[in-house]
Amino acid sequence: MILKLMSIGIVGLLIYGLTQRFRPKIHIPIMLSAFVLDVGLVLYIELTREATSQALGWGDLPAIMQIHIILSMMTLVMYLVQIVSGFIRWKKGGMRYHKHTGILFMAFRLGNLITSFMIDTHN
């Protein structure tokens, strides 16, 4: 349950970061901190639960776990998209799609959080 609470905290941090999107000196460090915390959480889950080896047994997993894995992978991909486009936007301006991919990122991350409560986990 502690991991789920941490995940809720990270999503809260992301939401706060979004509210600060017009204040780059706050938005950027908050979003980067959320990224570091989220990747740390993913690494911890991988090291303690062998998530990748479970994912390799794709056909044996319940449908909700498959959905959760897809949402998790898309969240990680979208983090990279957001970091790169955000960096370019910060340095050069432009990158109008940073906002739109941010919405998509949050949809994946919220889906990841919701499905984490729908799957059986072990401590």
Protein backbone atom coordinates (compact mmCIF):
# COMPACT_ATOMS: atom_id res chain seq x y z
CA MET A 1 0.00 0.00 0.00
CA ILE A 2 2.93 2.33 0.66
CA LEU A 3 3.89 2.20 -3.03
CA LYS A 4 0.37 3.21 -4.03
CA LEU A 5 0.47 6.10 -1.58
CA MET A 6 3.81 7.18 -3.03
CA SER A 7 2.28 7.00 -6.50
CA ILE A 8 -0.62 9.20 -5.36
CA GLY A 9 1.92 11.68 -4.00
CA ILE A 10 3.80 11.74 -7.29
CA VAL A 11 0.58 12.34 -9.23
CA GLY A 12 -0.23 15.14 -6.78
CA LEU A 13 3.18 16.64 -7.46
CA LEU A 14 2.53 16.40 -11.21
CA ILE A 15 -0.82 18.13 -10.83
CA TYR A 16 0.79 20.89 -8.77
CA GLY A 17 3.50 21.20 -11.44
CA LEU A 18 0.83 21.57 -14.11
CA THR A 19 -0.79 24.40 -12.18
CA GLN A 20 2.57 26.18 -12.29
CA ARG A 21 3.14 25.76 -16.04
CA PHE A 22 3.26 29.52 -16.58
CA ARG A 23 5.97 29.86 -13.94
CA PRO A 24 8.94 27.95 -15.40
CA LYS A 25 11.14 28.44 -12.33
CA ILE A 26 8.60 26.39 -10.35
CA HIS A 27 7.14 24.16 -13.09
CA ILE A 28 10.42 22.73 -14.37
CA PRO A 29 11.95 21.65 -11.02
CA ILE A 30 8.61 20.21 -9.83
CA MET A 31 8.09 18.18 -13.00
CA LEU A 32 11.69 16.96 -13.05
CA SER A 33 11.41 15.97 -9.39
CA ALA A 34 8.23 14.03 -10.14
CA PHE A 35 10.05 12.27 -13.00
CA VAL A 36 12.97 11.28 -10.77
CA LEU A 37 10.63 10.03 -8.04
CA ASP A 38 8.48 8.11 -10.53
CA VAL A 39 11.46 6.44 -12.20
CA GLY A 40 12.83 5.59 -8.76
CA LEU A 41 9.50 4.00 -7.89
CA VAL A 42 9.53 2.00 -11.13
CA LEU A 43 13.09 0.82 -10.44
CA TYR A 44 12.15 -0.20 -6.91
CA ILE A 45 9.15 -2.17 -8.20
CA GLU A 46 11.34 -3.82 -10.82
CA LEU A 47 14.00 -4.80 -8.30
CA THR A 48 11.58 -6.09 -5.67
CA ARG A 49 8.84 -7.60 -7.82
CA GLU A 50 10.61 -8.49 -11.06
CA ALA A 51 7.96 -6.61 -13.03
CA THR A 52 9.72 -7.07 -16.37
CA SER A 53 9.83 -10.85 -16.07
CA GLN A 54 6.13 -10.83 -15.16
CA ALA A 55 5.40 -8.70 -18.22
CA LEU A 56 7.25 -11.19 -20.42
CA GLY A 57 4.65 -13.78 -19.44
CA TRP A 58 2.11 -11.54 -21.17
CA GLY A 59 -0.39 -14.25 -22.16
CA ASP A 60 -0.67 -15.51 -18.58
CA LEU A 61 -1.49 -12.10 -17.11
CA PRO A 62 -5.00 -10.87 -16.32
CA ALA A 63 -6.35 -8.24 -18.75
CA ILE A 64 -6.20 -5.46 -16.13
CA MET A 65 -2.50 -6.21 -15.56
CA GLN A 66 -1.86 -6.04 -19.31
CA ILE A 67 -3.63 -2.66 -19.45
CA HIS A 68 -1.60 -1.48 -16.44
CA ILE A 69 1.66 -2.52 -18.12
CA ILE A 70 0.75 -0.70 -21.35
CA LEU A 71 -0.16 2.45 -19.41
CA SER A 72 3.10 2.20 -17.44
CA MET A 73 5.22 1.86 -20.57
CA MET A 74 3.40 4.74 -22.29
CA THR A 75 3.89 6.88 -19.18
CA LEU A 76 7.65 6.31 -19.35
CA VAL A 77 7.73 7.09 -23.08
CA MET A 78 5.70 10.25 -22.54
CA TYR A 79 8.03 11.35 -19.73
CA LEU A 80 10.84 11.37 -22.29
CA VAL A 81 8.70 13.26 -24.82
CA GLN A 82 7.79 15.83 -22.17
CA ILE A 83 11.36 16.30 -20.97
CA VAL A 84 12.75 16.75 -24.49
CA SER A 85 9.96 19.02 -25.71
CA GLY A 86 9.99 20.96 -22.43
CA PHE A 87 13.74 21.48 -22.67
CA ILE A 88 13.44 22.73 -26.26
CA ARG A 89 10.51 24.97 -25.27
CA TRP A 90 12.53 26.40 -22.37
CA LYS A 91 15.66 27.02 -24.47
CA LYS A 92 14.18 28.09 -27.81
CA GLY A 93 10.48 28.67 -27.29
CA GLY A 94 7.80 27.12 -29.45
CA MET A 95 7.01 23.42 -29.07
CA ARG A 96 3.27 24.01 -28.98
CA TYR A 97 2.67 20.28 -28.82
CA HIS A 98 4.30 20.14 -25.35
CA LYS A 99 0.91 21.10 -23.91
CA HIS A 100 -0.98 18.47 -25.92
CA THR A 101 1.47 15.69 -25.18
CA GLY A 102 1.32 16.78 -21.53
CA ILE A 103 -2.41 16.10 -21.52
CA LEU A 104 -1.77 12.68 -23.06
CA PHE A 105 0.98 12.01 -20.53
CA MET A 106 -1.34 12.84 -17.62
CA ALA A 107 -4.04 10.56 -19.06
CA PHE A 108 -1.54 7.67 -19.15
CA ARG A 109 -0.21 8.45 -15.67
CA LEU A 110 -3.69 8.72 -14.16
CA GLY A 111 -4.67 5.48 -15.91
CA ASN A 112 -1.56 3.86 -14.44
CA LEU A 113 -2.52 5.04 -10.95
CA ILE A 114 -6.15 3.90 -11.26
CA THR A 115 -5.25 0.45 -12.60
CA SER A 116 -2.67 -0.02 -9.84
CA PHE A 117 -5.60 -0.14 -7.41
CA MET A 118 -7.38 -2.71 -9.57
CA ILE A 119 -4.63 -5.34 -9.59
CA ASP A 120 -3.55 -7.74 -6.89
CA THR A 121 -0.19 -6.82 -5.46
CA HIS A 122 2.02 -8.40 -2.88
CA ASN A 123 4.25 -6.71 -0.33
